[in-house]
Protein backbone atom coordinates (compact mmCIF):
# COMPACT_ATOMS: atom_id res chain seq x y z
CA MET A 1 245.07 39.32 -78.42
CA LEU A 2 242.48 37.21 -80.25
CA GLU A 3 241.45 40.16 -82.41
CA ALA A 4 245.09 40.96 -83.20
CA ALA A 5 245.87 37.32 -84.08
CA LEU A 6 242.83 37.17 -86.37
CA ALA A 7 243.81 40.47 -88.01
CA TRP A 8 247.34 39.19 -88.74
CA ALA A 9 245.91 35.94 -90.13
CA ALA A 10 243.46 37.85 -92.35
CA ARG A 11 246.51 39.53 -93.92
CA GLY A 12 248.11 36.14 -94.66
CA TRP A 13 250.43 35.90 -91.64
CA ALA A 14 250.31 32.41 -90.10
CA VAL A 15 250.19 32.78 -86.30
CA PHE A 16 250.50 30.58 -83.21
CA PRO A 17 250.23 31.16 -79.44
CA VAL A 18 253.31 31.93 -77.37
CA HIS A 19 253.76 31.96 -73.60
CA THR A 20 253.56 35.26 -71.72
CA PRO A 21 255.55 36.82 -68.89
CA VAL A 22 253.85 36.69 -65.51
CA THR A 23 254.70 39.73 -63.44
CA THR A 24 254.06 38.88 -59.82
CA GLY A 25 256.67 40.23 -57.47
CA GLU A 26 260.10 41.54 -58.48
CA ASN A 27 261.16 38.95 -61.07
CA PRO A 28 258.88 38.08 -63.99
CA THR A 29 258.25 34.40 -64.52
CA CYS A 30 256.81 32.58 -67.51
CA SER A 31 253.31 31.25 -68.00
CA CYS A 32 254.95 27.85 -68.69
CA ARG A 33 255.52 27.71 -64.91
CA SER A 34 259.06 26.38 -65.28
CA ALA A 35 261.21 27.81 -62.49
CA ASP A 36 264.27 27.89 -64.76
CA CYS A 37 262.62 29.11 -67.99
CA LYS A 38 265.30 30.66 -70.23
CA GLN A 39 262.82 32.27 -72.68
CA VAL A 40 260.26 33.97 -70.45
CA GLY A 41 257.24 34.81 -72.59
CA LYS A 42 258.99 33.96 -75.85
CA HIS A 43 258.39 30.26 -76.55
CA PRO A 44 255.42 28.46 -78.12
CA ARG A 45 252.49 27.13 -76.12
CA THR A 46 251.70 24.34 -78.59
CA LYS A 47 253.52 21.02 -78.92
CA HIS A 48 254.92 21.74 -82.38
CA GLY A 49 255.28 25.49 -81.94
CA HIS A 50 255.82 27.58 -85.05
CA LEU A 51 255.23 24.54 -87.27
CA GLU A 52 251.55 24.75 -86.24
CA ALA A 53 251.24 28.40 -87.32
CA THR A 54 248.02 28.92 -89.26
CA THR A 55 245.71 31.49 -90.81
CA ASP A 56 242.64 29.37 -89.97
CA PRO A 57 240.29 31.58 -87.90
CA ALA A 58 238.64 28.59 -86.17
CA GLN A 59 241.98 27.26 -84.90
CA ILE A 60 243.09 30.74 -83.86
CA ARG A 61 239.86 31.20 -81.90
CA ARG A 62 240.38 27.83 -80.16
CA TRP A 63 243.92 28.74 -79.14
CA TRP A 64 243.13 32.23 -77.85
CA THR A 65 240.00 30.98 -76.07
CA GLN A 66 242.23 28.49 -74.25
CA TRP A 67 245.04 31.05 -73.68
CA PRO A 68 243.48 34.55 -73.94
CA THR A 69 246.67 36.39 -72.94
CA ALA A 70 249.00 34.41 -75.23
CA ASN A 71 251.57 36.41 -77.13
CA ILE A 72 251.36 36.13 -80.92
CA GLY A 73 254.09 34.35 -82.82
CA THR A 74 254.38 34.38 -86.60
CA ARG A 75 256.47 32.76 -89.32
CA PRO A 76 257.24 35.75 -91.59
CA GLY A 77 257.85 33.59 -94.67
CA THR A 78 254.20 32.50 -94.74
CA ALA A 79 253.27 36.06 -95.73
CA GLY A 80 256.17 36.57 -98.16
CA HIS A 81 258.38 38.37 -95.64
CA VAL A 82 261.71 37.97 -93.93
CA GLY A 83 262.02 39.26 -90.39
CA PHE A 84 265.08 40.42 -88.48
CA ASP A 85 265.23 40.34 -84.68
CA LEU A 86 267.20 43.41 -83.63
CA ASP A 87 266.86 43.14 -79.85
CA LYS A 88 270.54 43.57 -78.99
CA PRO A 89 272.63 46.76 -79.38
CA HIS A 90 275.25 45.06 -81.60
CA LEU A 91 272.49 43.82 -83.92
CA LEU A 92 271.00 47.30 -84.19
CA GLN A 93 274.46 48.62 -85.08
CA ALA A 94 274.97 45.90 -87.72
CA ALA A 95 271.53 46.69 -89.20
CA ARG A 96 272.45 50.38 -89.46
CA GLU A 97 275.79 49.52 -91.09
CA ILE A 98 274.19 47.44 -93.84
CA GLY A 99 271.40 49.95 -94.46
CA LEU A 100 268.37 48.12 -93.04
CA PHE A 101 267.14 51.35 -91.46
CA GLY A 102 267.16 53.08 -94.85
CA GLU A 103 264.73 50.62 -96.41
CA PRO A 104 260.95 51.07 -96.15
CA THR A 105 259.65 48.30 -93.92
CA MET A 106 257.25 47.34 -91.18
CA ASP A 107 258.80 47.75 -87.74
CA VAL A 108 257.51 46.19 -84.54
CA ARG A 109 258.84 47.56 -81.26
CA THR A 110 259.73 44.97 -78.66
CA GLY A 111 260.70 45.21 -75.02
CA ASP A 112 264.39 45.15 -76.00
CA GLY A 113 264.56 46.67 -79.48
CA THR A 114 262.75 46.12 -82.75
CA HIS A 115 261.80 43.56 -85.35
CA LYS A 116 261.98 44.64 -88.99
CA TYR A 117 260.02 42.85 -91.71
CA PHE A 118 260.79 43.05 -95.42
CA LEU A 119 258.91 41.73 -98.43
CA HIS A 120 261.25 39.04 -99.66
CA GLU A 121 261.15 35.45 -100.83
CA PRO A 122 261.74 32.98 -97.97
CA LEU A 123 265.35 32.49 -96.94
CA PRO A 124 266.84 29.17 -95.81
CA ASP A 125 266.68 28.45 -92.09
CA GLY A 126 269.68 29.87 -90.23
CA THR A 127 270.57 32.50 -92.84
CA THR A 128 272.60 35.29 -91.26
CA ILE A 129 273.48 38.67 -92.69
CA HIS A 130 276.30 40.42 -90.81
CA GLY A 131 275.44 38.36 -87.73
CA ILE A 132 271.73 39.14 -87.91
CA ILE A 133 269.59 36.00 -88.09
CA ALA A 134 266.85 36.16 -90.71
CA ARG A 135 263.53 34.61 -89.66
CA SER A 136 261.48 33.29 -92.53
CA MET A 137 259.75 29.93 -93.00
CA PHE A 138 261.32 27.95 -90.16
CA GLY A 139 261.97 30.67 -87.64
CA TYR A 140 259.53 32.86 -85.82
CA LEU A 141 259.14 36.28 -84.26
CA LEU A 142 256.64 37.67 -81.73
């Protein structure tokens, strides 16, 4: 994970550490150890979360030395991208309807679907396109 985080940062993507699912027994829990965690393996490990995202290799090494299995979060706008979280069937359908699958892009497969990243100037926080939330400067994706 450290090597991957450093590789993303070398390409200009500011990264930060995110909790991970812990799979012991039938039901996965979160590395945050909260019994009622609502975002298992999907929330920041640092106090200020995505606002601490950085491309600084020294900081990235400190984080992933402390949490070697941490997931990698990124703020797409820091690298001139906008990301779309398409982890629900209705969001995938909306993306198809507006042509997002016809555009050349970087796709990242997730446990539930996909994230699509497009070169684009940052969008305001909370921007939605046909119900799809755009993640840019103040949102994050894993």
